[in-house]
Structures are given as C-alpha cells and as structure tokens.
Amino acid sequence: MAASRWRLLGFDAREHPEDCDKTPFPHDIREELFLPPEITCPFSVDNHIWPTQFLYFPQIAHLFPKGNIDLIETDPDCEGGLWLNLARMQQRLSDNKRKAIRIAVELFAPEDATVDEFPSSLIYSETDPKDLPGQSVFLGYDVADVGFCSGLSNCGYTLEERDRLRPQWKNLINDFGLIETQQDALTFKEISDRRVPEHLPFWVYRLHRLTQD
C-alpha cells in the first residue's frame, strides 16, 4: 500500500463558541463522551459535537442538534458533507449573515486510497482552493469514521474505559477537545478501531481554522 499523506477534503462553517456557551453540553453527557469532561463545547469533525451551519443531508436533518430550522442549504456538490468551493461557502454565509468559525478538514490516508476504502465522494473530489489556505490556524486532530462520527468525542465511554483511558488521554487532548499530535491521533485510531468495531475503520482528520479575510 502507498504511503499515507494529508489530503484536503473540504471546508465547513461551525458554531461559534459564543453561541455554544449559551447551550453547553450537560455534565452527565460530558462525563460519558469526553475524556477531559471539563471541556463544555469541544471542536470536532463530527457535526453532532460541533454543529455545522449547513444542511448537508436534508433526509436526516432531524438527527442533528439544530434540526433543519436554522441550517443553510448547500450546493449540489456538497453531498460528501463538506463544501468543496471555499469562496461559494463564504458567499453563502455572507448572504445569510451568519457568524461562524470557518474550518478546513484534511484526511490522513494512503495516497492510492479509493472509494472502496473511504466510501465517500470526498476521496476523489477536488477542492477550490486545492491546498490549505495560507494563514490557517491548526486546531488539532480528530479520529472519526467515514461519516465523521468521532471516536474521540461521540462514541460514549464505559466506566471501565473512562478509568483506563482518561488518566493518559486527558493530558494529550487540547483545550479544543482535539488530540495535539499526529502520532497520538494514530494511536487513538487503533484504540477506536478496537473499542468501537461497528464504526470500523476509523480515520485521522486534521482541522484548521481559516482566518477572516
């Protein structure tokens, strides 16, 4: 298999922390989902954990925290769950006067990975711009399946798993609720593959915040 590399999957606009602070995750939910339970509003590739501003999948919109009430419709080429064209995404946000954190999502995968391995249109789609925009701010690494369900923050931990994993991992996760280093993220991917086999395989994602123009 070819060596793995980072590839830019697309862009999104996520809930601003000021809005998140109004409705933080309750204590009991944080205890079950987050290894550092003191993080009230974590960042994640997972829309259920860090809500998006966009309506990517109308047919299952009722499953998301905001339902389909406030979400903005996307372009047809966003069926993979991210925007491919950053300028169009920014224009849609501006048209709707929406305050949000704009992010870029990268995937760590073999260079020759196909849709059979990563069953999403994002694996062969091309973004515009093709590369990570300059002045982007690194946020951290997430571990999630192909549908962006996070093994780090959305696959609840049993009491035994909390006792075993929390002492080590709470210090390897930053204030955003994301893993600090690539090697630790790869290690956590292996843990997630064993811990939550129904979501196999998990992938490592890298998140960046895009600066305002």
C-alpha atoms as a PDB file:
ATOM      1  CA  MET A   1       0.000   0.000   0.000  1.00  0.00           C
ATOM      2  CA  ALA A   2       1.211   3.513  -0.807  1.00  0.00           C
ATOM      3  CA  ALA A   3       2.451   5.799   1.939  1.00  0.00           C
ATOM      4  CA  SER A   4      -0.196   7.875   3.676  1.00  0.00           C
ATOM      5  CA  ARG A   5      -0.403  11.603   3.164  1.00  0.00           C
ATOM      6  CA  TRP A   6      -2.648  14.500   4.099  1.00  0.00           C
ATOM      7  CA  ARG A   7      -5.293  15.476   1.575  1.00  0.00           C
ATOM      8  CA  LEU A   8      -7.652  18.434   1.806  1.00  0.00           C
ATOM      9  CA  LEU A   9     -11.235  17.122   1.878  1.00  0.00           C
ATOM     10  CA  GLY A  10     -13.187  20.348   2.080  1.00  0.00           C
ATOM     11  CA  PHE A  11     -14.492  23.221   4.150  1.00  0.00           C
ATOM     12  CA  ASP A  12     -17.235  23.902   6.641  1.00  0.00           C
ATOM     13  CA  ALA A  13     -18.587  26.615   8.936  1.00  0.00           C
ATOM     14  CA  ARG A  14     -19.178  25.611  12.524  1.00  0.00           C
ATOM     15  CA  GLU A  15     -20.942  27.039  15.529  1.00  0.00           C
ATOM     16  CA  HIS A  16     -19.155  29.993  17.096  1.00  0.00           C
ATOM     17  CA  PRO A  17     -18.018  29.454  20.712  1.00  0.00           C
ATOM     18  CA  GLU A  18     -20.107  32.428  21.832  1.00  0.00           C
ATOM     19  CA  ASP A  19     -23.225  30.579  20.674  1.00  0.00           C
ATOM     20  CA  CYS A  20     -22.024  27.269  22.087  1.00  0.00           C
ATOM     21  CA  ASP A  21     -21.505  28.818  25.510  1.00  0.00           C
ATOM     22  CA  LYS A  22     -25.226  29.549  25.649  1.00  0.00           C
ATOM     23  CA  THR A  23     -26.070  25.839  25.448  1.00  0.00           C
ATOM     24  CA  PRO A  24     -23.040  23.833  26.633  1.00  0.00           C
ATOM     25  CA  PHE A  25     -23.115  20.055  26.927  1.00  0.00           C
ATOM     26  CA  PRO A  26     -24.577  18.978  30.293  1.00  0.00           C
ATOM     27  CA  HIS A  27     -22.234  17.481  32.878  1.00  0.00           C
ATOM     28  CA  ASP A  28     -23.531  13.914  32.580  1.00  0.00           C
ATOM     29  CA  ILE A  29     -23.114  13.944  28.795  1.00  0.00           C
ATOM     30  CA  ARG A  30     -19.569  15.301  29.101  1.00  0.00           C
ATOM     31  CA  GLU A  31     -18.677  12.578  31.585  1.00  0.00           C
ATOM     32  CA  GLU A  32     -19.787   9.896  29.138  1.00  0.00           C
ATOM     33  CA  LEU A  33     -18.493  11.356  25.865  1.00  0.00           C
ATOM     34  CA  PHE A  34     -15.341  13.365  26.586  1.00  0.00           C
ATOM     35  CA  LEU A  35     -12.093  12.149  28.099  1.00  0.00           C
ATOM     36  CA  PRO A  36     -11.460  15.656  29.507  1.00  0.00           C
ATOM     37  CA  PRO A  37     -15.015  16.208  30.867  1.00  0.00           C
ATOM     38  CA  GLU A  38     -14.283  19.818  31.782  1.00  0.00           C
ATOM     39  CA  ILE A  39     -14.472  20.800  28.094  1.00  0.00           C
ATOM     40  CA  THR A  40     -18.012  22.108  27.675  1.00  0.00           C
ATOM     41  CA  CYS A  41     -18.005  22.908  23.941  1.00  0.00           C
ATOM     42  CA  PRO A  42     -15.431  20.779  22.092  1.00  0.00           C
ATOM     43  CA  PHE A  43     -14.421  21.167  18.467  1.00  0.00           C
ATOM     44  CA  SER A  44     -14.734  18.084  16.257  1.00  0.00           C
ATOM     45  CA  VAL A  45     -15.144  16.933  12.672  1.00  0.00           C
ATOM     46  CA  ASP A  46     -18.419  15.458  13.982  1.00  0.00           C
ATOM     47  CA  ASN A  47     -21.443  17.681  13.305  1.00  0.00           C
ATOM     48  CA  HIS A  48     -23.248  16.246  16.303  1.00  0.00           C
ATOM     49  CA  ILE A  49     -20.497  17.506  18.590  1.00  0.00           C
ATOM     50  CA  TRP A  50     -19.591  20.755  16.841  1.00  0.00           C
ATOM     51  CA  PRO A  51     -22.700  21.831  14.901  1.00  0.00           C
ATOM     52  CA  THR A  52     -22.409  22.983  11.304  1.00  0.00           C
ATOM     53  CA  GLN A  53     -24.234  25.936   9.785  1.00  0.00           C
ATOM     54  CA  PHE A  54     -25.225  23.938   6.700  1.00  0.00           C
ATOM     55  CA  LEU A  55     -27.924  21.433   5.757  1.00  0.00           C
ATOM     56  CA  TYR A  56     -25.871  18.712   4.065  1.00  0.00           C
ATOM     57  CA  PHE A  57     -28.292  15.814   4.431  1.00  0.00           C
ATOM     58  CA  PRO A  58     -31.932  17.025   4.434  1.00  0.00           C
ATOM     59  CA  GLN A  59     -33.243  13.474   4.740  1.00  0.00           C
ATOM     60  CA  ILE A  60     -31.619  13.023   8.176  1.00  0.00           C
ATOM     61  CA  ALA A  61     -31.618  16.643   9.375  1.00  0.00           C
ATOM     62  CA  HIS A  62     -33.792  15.710  12.364  1.00  0.00           C
ATOM     63  CA  LEU A  63     -30.839  13.814  13.833  1.00  0.00           C
ATOM     64  CA  PHE A  64     -28.712  16.941  14.199  1.00  0.00           C
ATOM     65  CA  PRO A  65     -28.796  19.222  17.252  1.00  0.00           C
ATOM     66  CA  LYS A  66     -30.364  22.136  15.404  1.00  0.00           C
ATOM     67  CA  GLY A  67     -32.729  20.041  13.310  1.00  0.00           C
ATOM     68  CA  ASN A  68     -33.325  21.719   9.949  1.00  0.00           C
ATOM     69  CA  ILE A  69     -34.623  25.044  11.260  1.00  0.00           C
ATOM     70  CA  ASP A  70     -31.571  27.312  11.075  1.00  0.00           C
ATOM     71  CA  LEU A  71     -29.332  25.385   8.699  1.00  0.00           C
ATOM     72  CA  ILE A  72     -28.370  26.871   5.337  1.00  0.00           C
ATOM     73  CA  GLU A  73     -28.897  24.914   2.132  1.00  0.00           C
ATOM     74  CA  THR A  74     -25.755  23.787   0.297  1.00  0.00           C
ATOM     75  CA  ASP A  75     -24.742  23.410  -3.340  1.00  0.00           C
ATOM     76  CA  PRO A  76     -25.263  20.058  -5.101  1.00  0.00           C
ATOM     77  CA  ASP A  77     -21.565  19.163  -4.950  1.00  0.00           C
ATOM     78  CA  CYS A  78     -21.595  19.163  -1.121  1.00  0.00           C
ATOM     79  CA  GLU A  79     -23.108  15.678  -0.852  1.00  0.00           C
ATOM     80  CA  GLY A  80     -19.966  14.433   0.887  1.00  0.00           C
ATOM     81  CA  GLY A  81     -20.707  16.561   3.938  1.00  0.00           C
ATOM     82  CA  LEU A  82     -18.269  19.412   3.249  1.00  0.00           C
ATOM     83  CA  TRP A  83     -18.020  22.348   0.851  1.00  0.00           C
ATOM     84  CA  LEU A  84     -15.551  21.870  -1.979  1.00  0.00           C
ATOM     85  CA  ASN A  85     -15.517  25.535  -3.026  1.00  0.00           C
ATOM     86  CA  LEU A  86     -14.448  27.879  -0.238  1.00  0.00           C
ATOM     87  CA  ALA A  87     -15.484  31.102  -1.971  1.00  0.00           C
ATOM     88  CA  ARG A  88     -19.013  29.808  -2.559  1.00  0.00           C
ATOM     89  CA  MET A  89     -19.276  28.702   1.062  1.00  0.00           C
ATOM     90  CA  GLN A  90     -18.171  32.103   2.281  1.00  0.00           C
ATOM     91  CA  GLN A  91     -20.661  33.818  -0.008  1.00  0.00           C
ATOM     92  CA  ARG A  92     -23.482  31.623   1.317  1.00  0.00           C
ATOM     93  CA  LEU A  93     -22.527  32.563   4.881  1.00  0.00           C
ATOM     94  CA  SER A  94     -22.421  36.237   3.976  1.00  0.00           C
ATOM     95  CA  ASP A  95     -25.794  36.088   2.207  1.00  0.00           C
ATOM     96  CA  ASN A  96     -27.304  34.599   5.351  1.00  0.00           C
ATOM     97  CA  LYS A  97     -25.456  36.999   7.696  1.00  0.00           C
ATOM     98  CA  ARG A  98     -24.216  34.039   9.687  1.00  0.00           C
ATOM     99  CA  LYS A  99     -21.462  34.221  12.305  1.00  0.00           C
ATOM    100  CA  ALA A 100     -19.381  31.053  12.309  1.00  0.00           C
ATOM    101  CA  ILE A 101     -15.921  29.548  12.530  1.00  0.00           C
ATOM    102  CA  ARG A 102     -14.734  28.511   9.091  1.00  0.00           C
ATOM    103  CA  ILE A 103     -12.645  25.365   9.026  1.00  0.00           C
ATOM    104  CA  ALA A 104     -10.684  23.193   6.617  1.00  0.00           C
ATOM    105  CA  VAL A 105     -10.739  19.414   7.085  1.00  0.00           C
ATOM    106  CA  GLU A 106      -7.860  17.176   5.999  1.00  0.00           C
ATOM    107  CA  LEU A 107      -7.735  13.377   5.876  1.00  0.00           C
ATOM    108  CA  PHE A 108      -4.674  11.208   6.538  1.00  0.00           C
ATOM    109  CA  ALA A 109      -4.955   8.313   4.110  1.00  0.00           C
ATOM    110  CA  PRO A 110      -2.907   6.223   1.660  1.00  0.00           C
ATOM    111  CA  GLU A 111      -2.137   8.148  -1.492  1.00  0.00           C
ATOM    112  CA  ASP A 112      -3.853   5.470  -3.576  1.00  0.00           C
ATOM    113  CA  ALA A 113      -6.952   5.199  -1.347  1.00  0.00           C
ATOM    114  CA  THR A 114     -10.139   4.615  -3.309  1.00  0.00           C
ATOM    115  CA  VAL A 115     -13.841   4.956  -2.657  1.00  0.00           C
ATOM    116  CA  ASP A 116     -13.849   1.273  -1.702  1.00  0.00           C
ATOM    117  CA  GLU A 117     -11.671   2.091   1.304  1.00  0.00           C
ATOM    118  CA  PHE A 118     -13.132   5.517   2.063  1.00  0.00           C
ATOM    119  CA  PRO A 119     -16.710   5.291   0.746  1.00  0.00           C
ATOM    120  CA  SER A 120     -17.360   8.989   0.215  1.00  0.00           C
ATOM    121  CA  SER A 121     -17.310  11.224  -2.848  1.00  0.00           C
ATOM    122  CA  LEU A 122     -14.799  13.378  -0.980  1.00  0.00           C
ATOM    123  CA  ILE A 123     -11.995  10.887  -1.682  1.00  0.00           C
ATOM    124  CA  TYR A 124     -11.929  11.799  -5.399  1.00  0.00           C
ATOM    125  CA  SER A 125     -13.409  15.319  -5.337  1.00  0.00           C
ATOM    126  CA  GLU A 126     -11.203  18.365  -5.929  1.00  0.00           C
ATOM    127  CA  THR A 127     -11.354  21.386  -3.666  1.00  0.00           C
ATOM    128  CA  ASP A 128     -11.035  25.042  -4.637  1.00  0.00           C
ATOM    129  CA  PRO A 129      -8.503  26.120  -3.499  1.00  0.00           C
ATOM    130  CA  LYS A 130      -6.620  22.854  -3.930  1.00  0.00           C
ATOM    131  CA  ASP A 131      -4.342  23.476  -0.954  1.00  0.00           C
ATOM    132  CA  LEU A 132      -4.880  24.629   2.596  1.00  0.00           C
ATOM    133  CA  PRO A 133      -5.335  28.431   2.530  1.00  0.00           C
ATOM    134  CA  GLY A 134      -2.479  30.485   3.931  1.00  0.00           C
ATOM    135  CA  GLN A 135      -2.632  31.816   7.484  1.00  0.00           C
ATOM    136  CA  SER A 136      -4.780  28.862   8.558  1.00  0.00           C
ATOM    137  CA  VAL A 137      -4.591  28.061  12.273  1.00  0.00           C
ATOM    138  CA  PHE A 138      -4.072  24.446  13.344  1.00  0.00           C
ATOM    139  CA  LEU A 139      -6.752  23.282  15.811  1.00  0.00           C
ATOM    140  CA  GLY A 140      -5.902  19.627  16.369  1.00  0.00           C
ATOM    141  CA  TYR A 141      -6.613  16.070  15.266  1.00  0.00           C
ATOM    142  CA  ASP A 142      -9.857  14.132  15.457  1.00  0.00           C
ATOM    143  CA  VAL A 143     -10.448  10.408  14.968  1.00  0.00           C
ATOM    144  CA  ALA A 144     -13.705   9.555  13.216  1.00  0.00           C
ATOM    145  CA  ASP A 145     -15.292   7.165  10.746  1.00  0.00           C
ATOM    146  CA  VAL A 146     -16.017   7.991   7.094  1.00  0.00           C
ATOM    147  CA  GLY A 147     -19.294   9.647   8.120  1.00  0.00           C
ATOM    148  CA  PHE A 148     -17.424  11.893  10.591  1.00  0.00           C
ATOM    149  CA  CYS A 149     -18.783  10.148  13.693  1.00  0.00           C
ATOM    150  CA  SER A 150     -15.995  10.876  16.171  1.00  0.00           C
ATOM    151  CA  GLY A 151     -14.450   8.013  18.085  1.00  0.00           C
ATOM    152  CA  LEU A 152     -12.845  10.628  20.298  1.00  0.00           C
ATOM    153  CA  SER A 153     -15.942  12.534  21.385  1.00  0.00           C
ATOM    154  CA  ASN A 154     -19.109  10.790  20.173  1.00  0.00           C
ATOM    155  CA  CYS A 155     -18.729   7.080  20.962  1.00  0.00           C
ATOM    156  CA  GLY A 156     -19.520   7.015  24.678  1.00  0.00           C
ATOM    157  CA  TYR A 157     -17.021   5.540  27.116  1.00  0.00           C
ATOM    158  CA  THR A 158     -17.997   2.919  29.676  1.00  0.00           C
ATOM    159  CA  LEU A 159     -16.967   3.442  33.287  1.00  0.00           C
ATOM    160  CA  GLU A 160     -14.142   0.951  32.809  1.00  0.00           C
ATOM    161  CA  GLU A 161     -12.937   2.743  29.674  1.00  0.00           C
ATOM    162  CA  ARG A 162     -13.035   6.113  31.414  1.00  0.00           C
ATOM    163  CA  ASP A 163     -10.971   4.784  34.310  1.00  0.00           C
ATOM    164  CA  ARG A 164      -8.465   3.227  31.921  1.00  0.00           C
ATOM    165  CA  LEU A 165      -8.179   5.920  29.226  1.00  0.00           C
ATOM    166  CA  ARG A 166      -8.822   9.196  31.000  1.00  0.00           C
ATOM    167  CA  PRO A 167      -5.622   9.413  33.109  1.00  0.00           C
ATOM    168  CA  GLN A 168      -3.446   9.243  29.984  1.00  0.00           C
ATOM    169  CA  TRP A 169      -5.519  10.889  27.294  1.00  0.00           C
ATOM    170  CA  LYS A 170      -6.911  13.886  29.145  1.00  0.00           C
ATOM    171  CA  ASN A 171      -3.388  15.346  29.039  1.00  0.00           C
ATOM    172  CA  LEU A 172      -2.953  14.642  25.319  1.00  0.00           C
ATOM    173  CA  ILE A 173      -6.120  16.495  24.323  1.00  0.00           C
ATOM    174  CA  ASN A 174      -6.041  20.271  23.962  1.00  0.00           C
ATOM    175  CA  ASP A 175      -8.496  22.936  25.106  1.00  0.00           C
ATOM    176  CA  PHE A 176     -10.493  22.459  21.894  1.00  0.00           C
ATOM    177  CA  GLY A 177     -11.124  18.802  22.729  1.00  0.00           C
ATOM    178  CA  LEU A 178      -8.813  17.631  19.926  1.00  0.00           C
ATOM    179  CA  ILE A 179      -5.665  15.492  20.046  1.00  0.00           C
ATOM    180  CA  GLU A 180      -2.461  17.527  19.970  1.00  0.00           C
ATOM    181  CA  THR A 181      -0.108  15.338  17.902  1.00  0.00           C
ATOM    182  CA  GLN A 182      -0.376  13.195  14.811  1.00  0.00           C
ATOM    183  CA  GLN A 183       1.276  10.184  16.444  1.00  0.00           C
ATOM    184  CA  ASP A 184      -1.166  10.268  19.359  1.00  0.00           C
ATOM    185  CA  ALA A 185      -4.041  10.561  16.892  1.00  0.00           C
ATOM    186  CA  LEU A 186      -2.819   7.476  15.030  1.00  0.00           C
ATOM    187  CA  THR A 187      -2.581   5.614  18.329  1.00  0.00           C
ATOM    188  CA  PHE A 188      -6.105   6.673  19.251  1.00  0.00           C
ATOM    189  CA  LYS A 189      -7.334   5.470  15.850  1.00  0.00           C
ATOM    190  CA  GLU A 190      -6.107   1.974  16.769  1.00  0.00           C
ATOM    191  CA  ILE A 191      -7.845   2.225  20.138  1.00  0.00           C
ATOM    192  CA  SER A 192     -11.084   3.328  18.466  1.00  0.00           C
ATOM    193  CA  ASP A 193     -10.925   0.505  15.910  1.00  0.00           C
ATOM    194  CA  ARG A 194     -10.789  -1.983  18.796  1.00  0.00           C
ATOM    195  CA  ARG A 195     -13.203  -0.144  21.083  1.00  0.00           C
ATOM    196  CA  VAL A 196     -15.976   0.626  18.559  1.00  0.00           C
ATOM    197  CA  PRO A 197     -15.723  -2.060  15.843  1.00  0.00           C
ATOM    198  CA  GLU A 198     -19.150  -1.218  14.435  1.00  0.00           C
ATOM    199  CA  HIS A 199     -17.631   2.005  13.043  1.00  0.00           C
ATOM    200  CA  LEU A 200     -14.543   0.397  11.506  1.00  0.00           C
ATOM    201  CA  PRO A 201     -12.382   1.742  10.039  1.00  0.00           C
ATOM    202  CA  PHE A 202     -11.657   4.980  11.845  1.00  0.00           C
ATOM    203  CA  TRP A 203      -9.585   7.701  10.165  1.00  0.00           C
ATOM    204  CA  VAL A 204      -7.431  10.568  11.395  1.00  0.00           C
ATOM    205  CA  TYR A 205      -8.560  14.077  10.460  1.00  0.00           C
ATOM    206  CA  ARG A 206      -6.697  17.361  10.853  1.00  0.00           C
ATOM    207  CA  LEU A 207      -8.687  20.531  11.497  1.00  0.00           C
ATOM    208  CA  HIS A 208      -7.633  24.103  10.790  1.00  0.00           C
ATOM    209  CA  ARG A 209      -9.412  27.358  11.466  1.00  0.00           C
ATOM    210  CA  LEU A 210      -9.498  29.703   8.475  1.00  0.00           C
ATOM    211  CA  THR A 211      -8.678  33.308   9.231  1.00  0.00           C
ATOM    212  CA  GLN A 212     -11.110  36.022   8.238  1.00  0.00           C
ATOM    213  CA  ASP A 213     -10.421  37.911   5.019  1.00  0.00           C
END
